[in-house]
Amino acid sequence: MDKDSALREISDYAEFIIKIEGVKSSIDALTLAKKRLFALKILKNVDSPTKKELISLKKIAGFFGAIPFIIGEQSNNGRLKDYVLFERLSILVGTLNTFIEYMRGESLPIKKPQEFYSIDGKRMKELREKKKLSLRELSLITGISKETLYRYENETILIGVENLRKLEKALNTTLRKQITPKVEINEWISSANPFSYLINLRKKYLIGKQMSTSSITKRYILIFEEISEKLEVPYFILSKRKSHYPFLLMSEFYSKKSKKEELLEFLENSST
């Protein structure tokens, strides 16, 4: 799915869109429609994000008071149906047409989410090797792609109940760890790309850092400036020295980072 084309279609119904591009990010855009803010991730396969990426998306959405939404064309089980909502880790999922209808305020059915589990990847690999099975051979037995099996073994993605049953039958053991963990999104300080820190005290602050090159740093700052202007959330860039953009000296910030009141006073004084 082409992100730019998708965002152009969305813009016809949105009050504004803030594109998050040119930097590594857990979200692709923030958009406002019908007084609701959405944090969007646009992908071809909605099952491709890792647990970490999904949690980051939820953190960012929670910080801004936005609805997290993954827009895609297909899942590991096939193409998604239009005008039906799905869920992943309590994140809404749907096609571009589905999202546009939802953002316009239409009531859409939500398909009961598949139950997801954390898998014991280490045990899975040990048993596979004990049975002298390669990932390719296990893939042929279970019908699960070799790439997906690799990600299960490295515990980078959750596993649906159908695939879990196939694997447990093939390896003749229990592999599930626990039901999808609850994600805490109300921490007073957290991090999620592209934000180094999301600080939620009496006031909210976005904290970024200088990038590896000046061109990336410039793009990074433009994103922060647009978010700050449209959502009224002040931002700072961590820097080793004074700069022309809103900055915080790294040494001072890190010395106060773990102390709420000192950090709040430091941020308030830096804002004036």
Protein backbone atom coordinates (compact mmCIF):
# COMPACT_ATOMS: atom_id res chain seq x y z
CA MET A 1 0.00 0.00 0.00
CA ASP A 2 1.37 3.39 -1.00
CA LYS A 3 1.38 5.64 2.07
CA ASP A 4 1.30 8.92 0.17
CA SER A 5 -1.71 7.84 -1.90
CA ALA A 6 -3.51 6.63 1.22
CA LEU A 7 -2.85 9.90 3.06
CA ARG A 8 -4.04 11.92 0.06
CA GLU A 9 -7.36 10.07 0.16
CA ILE A 10 -7.64 10.54 3.91
CA SER A 11 -6.91 14.27 3.59
CA ASP A 12 -10.20 14.76 1.72
CA TYR A 13 -12.06 14.01 4.97
CA ALA A 14 -9.57 15.21 7.61
CA GLU A 15 -9.19 18.59 9.28
CA PHE A 16 -5.44 18.11 9.13
CA ILE A 17 -2.79 15.45 8.66
CA ILE A 18 0.67 15.52 10.22
CA LYS A 19 2.94 13.22 8.23
CA ILE A 20 5.71 11.45 10.11
CA GLU A 21 8.18 10.70 7.34
CA GLY A 22 11.90 10.68 6.73
CA VAL A 23 12.64 9.33 10.23
CA LYS A 24 12.25 5.94 11.89
CA SER A 25 8.79 5.93 13.45
CA SER A 26 6.10 3.71 14.96
CA ILE A 27 3.45 5.91 13.33
CA ASP A 28 3.05 7.32 9.83
CA ALA A 29 0.64 10.15 10.57
CA LEU A 30 -1.56 11.92 13.09
CA THR A 31 -4.88 13.09 11.68
CA LEU A 32 -7.94 14.85 13.07
CA ALA A 33 -11.48 14.23 11.85
CA LYS A 34 -14.87 14.77 13.52
CA LYS A 35 -13.04 16.01 16.65
CA ARG A 36 -11.24 12.66 16.94
CA LEU A 37 -7.48 12.33 16.65
CA PHE A 38 -6.04 9.19 15.04
CA ALA A 39 -2.50 7.77 15.19
CA LEU A 40 -2.02 5.87 11.94
CA LYS A 41 0.31 3.13 10.78
CA ILE A 42 -0.04 2.23 7.10
CA LEU A 43 1.18 -1.18 5.94
CA LYS A 44 0.49 -3.80 3.32
CA ASN A 45 0.29 -6.63 5.90
CA VAL A 46 -1.31 -5.69 9.22
CA ASP A 47 0.38 -8.64 10.93
CA SER A 48 3.90 -7.43 10.05
CA PRO A 49 4.52 -5.10 13.07
CA THR A 50 6.39 -6.56 16.02
CA LYS A 51 5.01 -6.49 19.57
CA LYS A 52 7.38 -3.64 20.34
CA GLU A 53 6.08 -1.62 17.38
CA LEU A 54 2.45 -2.20 18.38
CA ILE A 55 3.17 -1.14 21.94
CA SER A 56 4.95 1.98 20.69
CA LEU A 57 1.94 2.86 18.54
CA LYS A 58 -0.32 2.51 21.59
CA LYS A 59 2.00 4.63 23.73
CA ILE A 60 2.02 7.46 21.20
CA ALA A 61 -1.76 7.29 20.75
CA GLY A 62 -2.27 7.27 24.52
CA PHE A 63 0.01 10.26 24.99
CA PHE A 64 -1.87 12.37 22.45
CA GLY A 65 -5.31 11.04 23.36
CA ALA A 66 -5.58 9.54 19.88
CA ILE A 67 -7.18 6.37 18.52
CA PRO A 68 -4.50 3.99 17.22
CA PHE A 69 -5.38 2.53 13.82
CA ILE A 70 -3.48 0.24 11.46
CA ILE A 71 -4.45 0.57 7.79
CA GLY A 72 -3.58 -2.37 5.56
CA GLU A 73 -4.64 -4.60 2.71
CA GLN A 74 -4.11 -8.05 4.14
CA SER A 75 -3.23 -10.16 7.16
CA ASN A 76 -1.32 -13.42 7.33
CA ASN A 77 -4.67 -15.13 6.70
CA GLY A 78 -5.55 -13.28 3.48
CA ARG A 79 -7.03 -10.02 2.24
CA LEU A 80 -8.98 -7.84 4.66
CA LYS A 81 -12.64 -7.14 3.99
CA ASP A 82 -13.79 -3.57 3.51
CA TYR A 83 -16.08 -1.97 6.10
CA VAL A 84 -15.21 -4.45 8.86
CA LEU A 85 -12.99 -3.52 11.79
CA PHE A 86 -10.49 -5.95 13.31
CA GLU A 87 -8.22 -5.63 16.35
CA ARG A 88 -4.59 -6.28 17.22
CA LEU A 89 -3.56 -5.67 20.85
CA SER A 90 -6.71 -3.52 21.18
CA ILE A 91 -5.58 -1.46 18.15
CA LEU A 92 -8.22 -1.02 15.45
CA VAL A 93 -7.29 -2.51 12.08
CA GLY A 94 -8.91 -2.14 8.69
CA THR A 95 -8.54 -1.32 5.02
CA LEU A 96 -8.22 2.25 3.77
CA ASN A 97 -11.91 2.28 2.82
CA THR A 98 -12.80 0.99 6.28
CA PHE A 99 -10.76 3.69 8.00
CA ILE A 100 -12.27 6.48 5.89
CA GLU A 101 -15.78 5.33 6.77
CA TYR A 102 -14.82 5.03 10.45
CA MET A 103 -13.19 8.48 10.58
CA ARG A 104 -16.32 9.95 8.98
CA GLY A 105 -18.28 8.65 11.97
CA GLU A 106 -19.89 5.59 10.40
CA SER A 107 -20.76 2.68 12.70
CA LEU A 108 -18.93 -0.45 11.56
CA PRO A 109 -18.98 -4.03 12.84
CA ILE A 110 -15.91 -5.19 14.75
CA LYS A 111 -14.91 -8.76 14.05
CA LYS A 112 -14.10 -10.55 17.28
CA PRO A 113 -10.33 -10.45 17.60
CA GLN A 114 -8.35 -13.61 17.39
CA GLU A 115 -6.78 -14.56 20.70
CA PHE A 116 -3.03 -13.95 20.63
CA TYR A 117 -0.30 -15.43 22.79
CA SER A 118 3.34 -14.90 23.59
CA ILE A 119 5.27 -17.97 22.51
CA ASP A 120 8.25 -19.64 24.19
CA GLY A 121 10.60 -19.21 21.24
CA LYS A 122 13.60 -20.76 22.96
CA ARG A 123 11.69 -23.95 23.74
CA MET A 124 10.26 -24.02 20.23
CA LYS A 125 13.74 -23.88 18.69
CA GLU A 126 15.14 -26.51 21.09
CA LEU A 127 12.34 -28.98 20.27
CA ARG A 128 12.55 -28.29 16.55
CA GLU A 129 16.28 -29.00 16.56
CA LYS A 130 15.78 -32.04 18.79
CA LYS A 131 13.41 -33.44 16.15
CA LYS A 132 16.04 -32.53 13.52
CA LEU A 133 13.65 -30.25 11.67
CA SER A 134 14.77 -27.21 9.72
CA LEU A 135 12.54 -24.14 9.61
CA ARG A 136 11.68 -25.07 6.03
CA GLU A 137 10.64 -28.59 7.05
CA LEU A 138 8.55 -27.28 9.95
CA SER A 139 6.98 -24.81 7.54
CA LEU A 140 5.93 -27.65 5.21
CA ILE A 141 4.42 -29.58 8.16
CA THR A 142 2.48 -26.66 9.65
CA GLY A 143 1.71 -24.52 6.61
CA ILE A 144 3.26 -21.52 8.41
CA SER A 145 5.84 -19.56 6.42
CA LYS A 146 9.53 -20.01 7.28
CA GLU A 147 9.86 -16.25 7.92
CA THR A 148 6.97 -16.29 10.41
CA LEU A 149 8.42 -19.33 12.21
CA TYR A 150 11.75 -17.50 12.51
CA ARG A 151 9.99 -14.53 14.10
CA TYR A 152 8.15 -16.85 16.52
CA GLU A 153 11.46 -18.38 17.62
CA ASN A 154 12.92 -14.94 18.20
CA GLU A 155 9.73 -13.83 20.00
CA THR A 156 9.35 -10.68 17.93
CA ILE A 157 5.65 -11.26 17.12
CA LEU A 158 2.64 -12.73 18.90
CA ILE A 159 1.08 -15.96 17.69
CA GLY A 160 -2.59 -16.52 16.86
CA VAL A 161 -4.41 -19.46 18.38
CA GLU A 162 -4.70 -21.31 15.03
CA ASN A 163 -0.96 -21.22 14.32
CA LEU A 164 -0.22 -22.01 17.95
CA ARG A 165 -2.28 -25.20 17.74
CA LYS A 166 -0.49 -26.23 14.54
CA LEU A 167 2.94 -25.73 16.14
CA GLU A 168 2.05 -27.45 19.40
CA LYS A 169 0.72 -30.42 17.45
CA ALA A 170 3.83 -30.59 15.24
CA LEU A 171 6.23 -30.37 18.20
CA ASN A 172 3.97 -32.28 20.62
CA THR A 173 4.29 -29.74 23.43
CA THR A 174 2.81 -26.58 24.94
CA LEU A 175 4.51 -23.41 23.71
CA ARG A 176 2.23 -20.62 24.90
CA LYS A 177 3.48 -18.29 27.58
CA GLN A 178 0.52 -16.04 28.31
CA ILE A 179 -2.38 -14.20 26.76
CA THR A 180 -1.51 -10.92 25.07
CA PRO A 181 -0.06 -8.69 27.82
CA LYS A 182 -1.80 -5.56 29.00
CA VAL A 183 -0.03 -2.48 27.67
CA GLU A 184 0.50 0.40 30.06
CA ILE A 185 0.12 3.69 28.24
CA ASN A 186 -0.23 6.07 31.18
CA GLU A 187 3.41 6.19 32.27
CA TRP A 188 4.60 9.70 33.11
CA ILE A 189 7.71 9.19 31.03
CA SER A 190 8.15 6.72 28.18
CA SER A 191 9.72 6.48 24.75
CA ALA A 192 8.45 5.46 21.31
CA ASN A 193 9.92 6.29 17.90
CA PRO A 194 10.20 8.98 16.65
CA PHE A 195 10.08 10.51 20.15
CA SER A 196 12.98 9.94 22.51
CA TYR A 197 10.70 10.73 25.43
CA LEU A 198 7.01 11.36 25.93
CA ILE A 199 6.64 13.25 29.21
CA ASN A 200 3.21 13.57 30.79
CA LEU A 201 3.31 15.55 34.02
CA ARG A 202 1.14 18.62 34.72
CA LYS A 203 1.88 19.42 31.11
CA LYS A 204 2.91 17.25 28.17
CA TYR A 205 6.29 17.57 26.48
CA LEU A 206 7.89 15.91 23.45
CA ILE A 207 11.61 15.26 23.71
CA GLY A 208 13.71 14.41 20.68
CA LYS A 209 17.40 14.05 19.99
CA GLN A 210 19.82 15.19 17.35
CA MET A 211 20.03 12.80 14.42
CA SER A 212 23.13 11.43 12.71
CA THR A 213 23.03 14.06 9.95
CA SER A 214 21.88 17.67 9.81
CA SER A 215 19.33 16.90 7.04
CA ILE A 216 17.62 14.21 9.14
CA THR A 217 17.71 16.46 12.20
CA LYS A 218 16.06 19.23 10.15
CA ARG A 219 13.27 16.87 9.02
CA TYR A 220 12.88 15.65 12.59
CA ILE A 221 12.47 19.21 13.89
CA LEU A 222 9.91 20.06 11.19
CA ILE A 223 7.78 17.13 12.37
CA PHE A 224 8.06 18.27 15.99
CA GLU A 225 7.20 21.85 15.04
CA GLU A 226 4.06 20.79 13.18
CA ILE A 227 2.92 18.57 16.05
CA SER A 228 3.64 21.35 18.54
CA GLU A 229 1.67 23.88 16.49
CA LYS A 230 -1.39 21.75 15.75
CA LEU A 231 -1.63 19.80 19.01
CA GLU A 232 -0.18 22.47 21.33
CA VAL A 233 2.45 20.20 22.84
CA PRO A 234 5.83 21.90 23.40
CA TYR A 235 8.97 20.10 22.28
CA PHE A 236 12.70 20.11 22.93
CA ILE A 237 15.65 18.52 21.17
CA LEU A 238 18.39 17.05 23.35
CA SER A 239 21.73 18.60 22.47
CA LYS A 240 25.29 18.62 23.75
CA ARG A 241 25.52 22.37 23.18
CA LYS A 242 23.29 25.40 22.75
CA SER A 243 21.30 25.57 19.54
CA HIS A 244 18.89 27.83 17.62
CA TYR A 245 15.93 25.42 17.97
CA PRO A 246 14.22 24.61 21.33
CA PHE A 247 16.85 22.51 23.06
CA LEU A 248 17.76 20.93 26.36
CA LEU A 249 21.33 20.25 27.34
CA MET A 250 21.71 16.47 27.57
CA SER A 251 23.71 16.56 30.79
CA GLU A 252 21.07 18.62 32.60
CA PHE A 253 18.15 16.61 31.27
CA TYR A 254 19.60 13.22 32.21
CA SER A 255 20.56 14.42 35.68
CA LYS A 256 16.89 15.29 36.35
CA LYS A 257 15.12 12.66 34.25
CA SER A 258 14.22 10.31 37.09
CA LYS A 259 13.01 13.04 39.47
CA LYS A 260 9.51 14.20 38.56
CA GLU A 261 9.41 17.55 40.33
CA GLU A 262 12.94 18.58 39.35
CA LEU A 263 12.30 17.56 35.74
CA LEU A 264 9.00 19.44 35.63
CA GLU A 265 10.58 22.61 37.00
CA PHE A 266 13.45 22.28 34.53
CA LEU A 267 11.06 21.88 31.58
CA GLU A 268 8.82 24.75 32.68
CA ASN A 269 11.81 27.07 33.10
CA SER A 270 13.18 26.00 29.72
CA SER A 271 9.84 26.82 28.08
CA THR A 272 9.91 30.47 29.16
